[in-house]
N, C-alpha and C. Protein backbone atom coordinates (compact mmCIF):
# COMPACT_ATOMS: atom_id res chain seq x y z
N UNK A 1 0.83 -1.17 0.00
CA UNK A 1 0.00 -0.01 0.00
C UNK A 1 0.89 1.24 0.00
N UNK A 2 0.47 2.23 -0.73
CA UNK A 2 1.25 3.48 -0.82
C UNK A 2 1.14 4.28 0.46
N UNK A 3 2.19 5.03 0.72
CA UNK A 3 2.18 5.92 1.87
C UNK A 3 1.17 7.04 1.66
N UNK A 4 0.75 7.65 2.75
CA UNK A 4 -0.23 8.75 2.68
C UNK A 4 0.27 9.85 1.75
N UNK A 5 1.53 10.22 1.86
CA UNK A 5 2.07 11.30 1.04
C UNK A 5 1.97 10.95 -0.44
N UNK A 6 2.24 9.70 -0.79
CA UNK A 6 2.16 9.27 -2.19
C UNK A 6 0.73 9.31 -2.69
N UNK A 7 -0.21 8.86 -1.85
CA UNK A 7 -1.63 8.87 -2.25
C UNK A 7 -2.13 10.31 -2.42
N UNK A 8 -1.76 11.18 -1.49
CA UNK A 8 -2.16 12.59 -1.55
C UNK A 8 -1.65 13.22 -2.85
N UNK A 9 -0.36 13.06 -3.13
CA UNK A 9 0.24 13.67 -4.30
C UNK A 9 -0.29 13.05 -5.58
N UNK A 10 -0.51 11.75 -5.59
CA UNK A 10 -1.05 11.08 -6.78
C UNK A 10 -2.45 11.59 -7.07
N UNK A 11 -3.28 11.70 -6.04
CA UNK A 11 -4.65 12.19 -6.23
C UNK A 11 -4.62 13.58 -6.87
N UNK A 12 -3.84 14.50 -6.31
CA UNK A 12 -3.80 15.85 -6.86
C UNK A 12 -3.21 15.88 -8.25
N UNK A 13 -2.22 15.06 -8.52
CA UNK A 13 -1.62 15.05 -9.87
C UNK A 13 -2.63 14.56 -10.90
N UNK A 14 -3.53 13.70 -10.51
CA UNK A 14 -4.56 13.22 -11.42
C UNK A 14 -5.66 14.25 -11.66
N UNK A 15 -5.78 15.22 -10.76
CA UNK A 15 -6.83 16.24 -10.86
C UNK A 15 -6.41 17.47 -11.65
N UNK A 16 -5.13 17.66 -11.82
CA UNK A 16 -4.63 18.90 -12.40
C UNK A 16 -3.58 18.60 -13.46
N UNK A 17 -3.16 19.63 -14.13
CA UNK A 17 -2.04 19.51 -15.05
C UNK A 17 -0.76 19.63 -14.22
N UNK A 18 0.32 19.00 -14.64
CA UNK A 18 1.56 19.07 -13.87
C UNK A 18 2.09 20.50 -13.81
N UNK A 19 2.41 20.93 -12.61
CA UNK A 19 2.96 22.26 -12.40
C UNK A 19 4.16 22.14 -11.47
N UNK A 20 5.26 22.72 -11.89
CA UNK A 20 6.44 22.81 -11.03
C UNK A 20 6.64 24.26 -10.67
N UNK A 21 7.02 24.50 -9.42
CA UNK A 21 7.15 25.85 -8.89
C UNK A 21 8.46 25.95 -8.13
N UNK A 22 9.11 27.10 -8.27
CA UNK A 22 10.31 27.32 -7.47
C UNK A 22 9.91 27.64 -6.04
N UNK A 23 10.46 26.87 -5.12
CA UNK A 23 10.21 27.07 -3.69
C UNK A 23 11.44 26.67 -2.93
N UNK A 24 11.94 27.55 -2.10
CA UNK A 24 13.14 27.31 -1.30
C UNK A 24 14.32 26.96 -2.20
N UNK A 25 14.41 27.71 -3.28
CA UNK A 25 15.52 27.62 -4.24
C UNK A 25 15.60 26.30 -5.00
N UNK A 26 14.51 25.57 -5.04
CA UNK A 26 14.45 24.33 -5.83
C UNK A 26 13.10 24.25 -6.53
N UNK A 27 13.06 23.48 -7.59
CA UNK A 27 11.80 23.26 -8.29
C UNK A 27 11.09 22.07 -7.64
N UNK A 28 9.80 22.25 -7.36
CA UNK A 28 8.98 21.20 -6.76
C UNK A 28 7.65 21.14 -7.49
N UNK A 29 7.08 19.95 -7.57
CA UNK A 29 5.72 19.83 -8.10
C UNK A 29 4.77 20.44 -7.08
N UNK A 30 3.73 21.10 -7.58
CA UNK A 30 2.80 21.78 -6.71
C UNK A 30 2.20 20.84 -5.67
N UNK A 31 1.81 19.64 -6.06
CA UNK A 31 1.19 18.74 -5.10
C UNK A 31 2.14 18.33 -3.97
N UNK A 32 3.44 18.32 -4.25
CA UNK A 32 4.44 18.03 -3.21
C UNK A 32 4.50 19.19 -2.21
N UNK A 33 4.48 20.40 -2.71
CA UNK A 33 4.48 21.58 -1.84
C UNK A 33 3.23 21.56 -0.97
N UNK A 34 2.10 21.25 -1.57
CA UNK A 34 0.85 21.26 -0.80
C UNK A 34 0.89 20.21 0.29
N UNK A 35 1.47 19.04 0.02
CA UNK A 35 1.54 18.01 1.04
C UNK A 35 2.59 18.35 2.10
N UNK A 36 3.81 18.54 1.66
CA UNK A 36 4.92 18.67 2.60
C UNK A 36 4.88 19.97 3.39
N UNK A 37 4.62 21.08 2.74
CA UNK A 37 4.74 22.35 3.44
C UNK A 37 3.42 22.97 3.87
N UNK A 38 2.32 22.52 3.34
CA UNK A 38 1.03 23.03 3.83
C UNK A 38 0.38 22.01 4.73
N UNK A 39 0.04 20.86 4.19
CA UNK A 39 -0.67 19.84 4.98
C UNK A 39 0.14 19.43 6.21
N UNK A 40 1.40 19.05 6.02
CA UNK A 40 2.20 18.57 7.14
C UNK A 40 2.46 19.65 8.17
N UNK A 41 2.76 20.84 7.73
CA UNK A 41 3.01 21.94 8.68
C UNK A 41 1.74 22.26 9.47
N UNK A 42 0.60 22.27 8.82
CA UNK A 42 -0.64 22.53 9.54
C UNK A 42 -0.95 21.44 10.55
N UNK A 43 -0.74 20.19 10.17
CA UNK A 43 -1.03 19.08 11.07
C UNK A 43 -0.05 19.04 12.24
N UNK A 44 1.23 19.24 11.97
CA UNK A 44 2.25 19.05 13.01
C UNK A 44 2.57 20.30 13.81
N UNK A 45 2.39 21.48 13.26
CA UNK A 45 2.74 22.70 13.98
C UNK A 45 1.56 23.65 14.13
N UNK A 46 0.52 23.43 13.32
CA UNK A 46 -0.64 24.33 13.35
C UNK A 46 -0.40 25.67 12.66
N UNK A 47 0.66 25.74 11.87
CA UNK A 47 1.00 26.99 11.20
C UNK A 47 1.36 26.75 9.74
N UNK A 48 1.22 27.81 8.97
CA UNK A 48 1.66 27.81 7.57
C UNK A 48 3.05 28.43 7.55
N UNK A 49 4.00 27.86 6.82
CA UNK A 49 5.33 28.45 6.76
C UNK A 49 5.27 29.92 6.34
N UNK A 50 6.15 30.73 6.88
CA UNK A 50 6.15 32.17 6.57
C UNK A 50 6.54 32.45 5.14
N UNK A 51 7.15 31.48 4.44
CA UNK A 51 7.52 31.72 3.05
C UNK A 51 6.48 31.23 2.06
N UNK A 52 5.27 30.95 2.58
CA UNK A 52 4.09 30.68 1.72
C UNK A 52 3.03 31.70 2.12
N UNK A 53 2.52 32.41 1.14
CA UNK A 53 1.49 33.41 1.39
C UNK A 53 0.32 33.16 0.45
N UNK A 54 -0.85 33.55 0.93
CA UNK A 54 -2.04 33.47 0.11
C UNK A 54 -2.42 34.88 -0.34
N UNK A 55 -2.71 35.03 -1.60
CA UNK A 55 -3.04 36.33 -2.18
C UNK A 55 -4.50 36.30 -2.63
N UNK A 56 -5.14 37.45 -2.73
CA UNK A 56 -6.54 37.48 -3.15
C UNK A 56 -6.74 36.77 -4.49
N UNK A 57 -7.87 36.09 -4.61
CA UNK A 57 -8.15 35.37 -5.84
C UNK A 57 -8.48 36.33 -6.95
N UNK A 58 -8.06 35.96 -8.14
CA UNK A 58 -8.31 36.80 -9.30
C UNK A 58 -9.56 36.35 -10.06
N UNK A 59 -9.82 35.08 -10.10
CA UNK A 59 -11.01 34.54 -10.75
C UNK A 59 -11.27 33.15 -10.17
N UNK A 60 -12.53 32.78 -10.07
CA UNK A 60 -12.86 31.45 -9.56
C UNK A 60 -12.34 30.39 -10.53
N UNK A 61 -11.90 29.29 -9.94
CA UNK A 61 -11.38 28.15 -10.68
C UNK A 61 -10.16 28.49 -11.53
N UNK A 62 -9.43 29.52 -11.11
CA UNK A 62 -8.17 29.85 -11.74
C UNK A 62 -7.15 30.02 -10.61
N UNK A 63 -6.14 29.21 -10.62
CA UNK A 63 -5.12 29.28 -9.58
C UNK A 63 -3.99 30.18 -10.03
N UNK A 64 -3.68 31.17 -9.20
CA UNK A 64 -2.55 32.04 -9.46
C UNK A 64 -1.38 31.59 -8.60
N UNK A 65 -0.24 31.42 -9.23
CA UNK A 65 0.98 31.03 -8.50
C UNK A 65 2.07 32.01 -8.87
N UNK A 66 2.71 32.56 -7.84
CA UNK A 66 3.85 33.42 -8.06
C UNK A 66 5.04 32.75 -7.39
N UNK A 67 6.03 32.41 -8.22
CA UNK A 67 7.18 31.63 -7.77
C UNK A 67 7.94 32.27 -6.64
N UNK A 68 8.59 31.43 -5.88
CA UNK A 68 9.27 31.87 -4.67
C UNK A 68 10.74 32.13 -4.82
N UNK A 69 11.16 32.63 -5.97
CA UNK A 69 12.59 32.91 -6.15
C UNK A 69 13.04 34.21 -5.52
N UNK A 70 14.30 34.50 -5.72
CA UNK A 70 14.90 35.72 -5.16
C UNK A 70 14.27 36.94 -5.82
N UNK A 71 14.17 38.07 -5.23
CA UNK A 71 14.74 38.43 -3.93
C UNK A 71 13.86 38.09 -2.73
N UNK A 72 12.55 37.89 -2.93
CA UNK A 72 11.65 37.71 -1.79
C UNK A 72 11.63 36.28 -1.23
N UNK A 73 11.85 35.30 -2.08
CA UNK A 73 11.82 33.89 -1.68
C UNK A 73 10.53 33.50 -0.98
N UNK A 74 9.42 34.03 -1.49
CA UNK A 74 8.09 33.70 -0.95
C UNK A 74 7.24 33.15 -2.06
N UNK A 75 6.62 32.01 -1.80
CA UNK A 75 5.69 31.42 -2.75
C UNK A 75 4.31 31.98 -2.45
N UNK A 76 3.67 32.54 -3.48
CA UNK A 76 2.33 33.09 -3.31
C UNK A 76 1.34 32.27 -4.11
N UNK A 77 0.26 31.88 -3.44
CA UNK A 77 -0.80 31.08 -4.05
C UNK A 77 -2.11 31.83 -3.85
N UNK A 78 -2.97 31.81 -4.86
CA UNK A 78 -4.25 32.51 -4.70
C UNK A 78 -5.13 31.75 -3.69
N UNK A 79 -5.95 32.52 -3.01
CA UNK A 79 -6.83 31.97 -1.96
C UNK A 79 -7.77 30.91 -2.51
N UNK A 80 -8.10 30.97 -3.78
CA UNK A 80 -9.07 30.01 -4.30
C UNK A 80 -8.44 28.62 -4.54
N UNK A 81 -7.21 28.43 -4.12
CA UNK A 81 -6.64 27.09 -4.09
C UNK A 81 -7.57 26.16 -3.31
N UNK A 82 -8.11 26.67 -2.20
CA UNK A 82 -8.99 25.86 -1.36
C UNK A 82 -10.26 25.50 -2.10
N UNK A 83 -10.80 26.43 -2.87
CA UNK A 83 -11.98 26.16 -3.69
C UNK A 83 -11.70 25.04 -4.68
N UNK A 84 -10.53 25.07 -5.28
CA UNK A 84 -10.16 24.04 -6.26
C UNK A 84 -9.96 22.68 -5.58
N UNK A 85 -9.37 22.66 -4.39
CA UNK A 85 -9.18 21.40 -3.67
C UNK A 85 -10.51 20.80 -3.24
N UNK A 86 -11.41 21.61 -2.75
CA UNK A 86 -12.74 21.13 -2.37
C UNK A 86 -13.44 20.52 -3.58
N UNK A 87 -13.37 21.22 -4.69
CA UNK A 87 -14.01 20.73 -5.90
C UNK A 87 -13.41 19.39 -6.34
N UNK A 88 -12.08 19.27 -6.29
CA UNK A 88 -11.42 18.03 -6.69
C UNK A 88 -11.85 16.85 -5.83
N UNK A 89 -11.92 17.05 -4.53
CA UNK A 89 -12.30 15.97 -3.62
C UNK A 89 -13.78 15.63 -3.77
N UNK A 90 -14.62 16.62 -3.79
CA UNK A 90 -16.07 16.39 -3.81
C UNK A 90 -16.58 15.81 -5.11
N UNK A 91 -15.88 16.05 -6.21
CA UNK A 91 -16.37 15.56 -7.50
C UNK A 91 -15.65 14.32 -8.00
N UNK A 92 -14.68 13.82 -7.24
CA UNK A 92 -13.98 12.62 -7.65
C UNK A 92 -14.90 11.39 -7.48
N UNK A 93 -14.84 10.49 -8.46
CA UNK A 93 -15.73 9.30 -8.44
C UNK A 93 -15.64 8.50 -7.16
N UNK A 94 -14.45 8.38 -6.59
CA UNK A 94 -14.30 7.56 -5.39
C UNK A 94 -15.06 8.14 -4.21
N UNK A 95 -15.38 9.41 -4.24
CA UNK A 95 -16.09 10.07 -3.15
C UNK A 95 -17.57 10.28 -3.45
N UNK A 96 -18.06 9.69 -4.50
CA UNK A 96 -19.45 9.93 -4.92
C UNK A 96 -20.47 9.68 -3.81
N UNK A 97 -20.31 8.62 -3.05
CA UNK A 97 -21.29 8.32 -1.99
C UNK A 97 -21.19 9.30 -0.81
N UNK A 98 -20.03 9.88 -0.62
CA UNK A 98 -19.84 10.82 0.48
C UNK A 98 -20.44 12.19 0.17
N UNK A 99 -20.51 12.53 -1.11
CA UNK A 99 -20.96 13.86 -1.51
C UNK A 99 -22.13 13.79 -2.48
N UNK A 100 -23.07 12.88 -2.21
CA UNK A 100 -24.20 12.69 -3.11
C UNK A 100 -24.97 13.97 -3.35
N UNK A 101 -25.12 14.78 -2.31
CA UNK A 101 -25.90 16.00 -2.40
C UNK A 101 -25.05 17.23 -2.66
N UNK A 102 -23.81 17.01 -3.03
CA UNK A 102 -22.90 18.15 -3.24
C UNK A 102 -23.24 18.83 -4.54
N UNK A 103 -23.57 20.08 -4.45
CA UNK A 103 -23.83 20.88 -5.64
C UNK A 103 -22.91 22.08 -5.57
N UNK A 104 -22.08 22.18 -6.52
CA UNK A 104 -21.10 23.28 -6.52
C UNK A 104 -21.36 24.17 -7.71
N UNK A 105 -21.59 25.40 -7.42
CA UNK A 105 -21.86 26.38 -8.48
C UNK A 105 -20.58 27.17 -8.74
N UNK A 106 -20.16 27.22 -9.96
CA UNK A 106 -19.02 28.01 -10.31
C UNK A 106 -19.43 29.47 -10.32
N UNK A 107 -18.75 30.25 -9.50
CA UNK A 107 -19.05 31.68 -9.41
C UNK A 107 -18.15 32.41 -10.42
N UNK A 108 -18.74 33.30 -11.12
CA UNK A 108 -17.96 34.10 -12.08
C UNK A 108 -17.79 35.50 -11.53
N UNK A 109 -16.57 36.01 -11.67
CA UNK A 109 -16.30 37.36 -11.17
C UNK A 109 -17.01 38.39 -11.98
């Protein structure tokens, strides 16, 4: 059986197009950043790393990513990342029985 991190990253990679982002001076796949530095940090420390920031969303169902290279070395992700993650989980076939009554309306700006 695959480890939790592998299952998490595989699920997200199947939901999106592959994206690599500069973070901490290295290139990482977005799903790895979400697992290692968001999910794990929240679970184990209750905090988001200071070098990850959320910025106002520009449009629903559009993820904005600003790479974390020099000089600021901060990775910025749009707030609607959470909207996209909820949609991915709730509409995946494996979760159909859990979200039978889930109705998600795409909001347009």
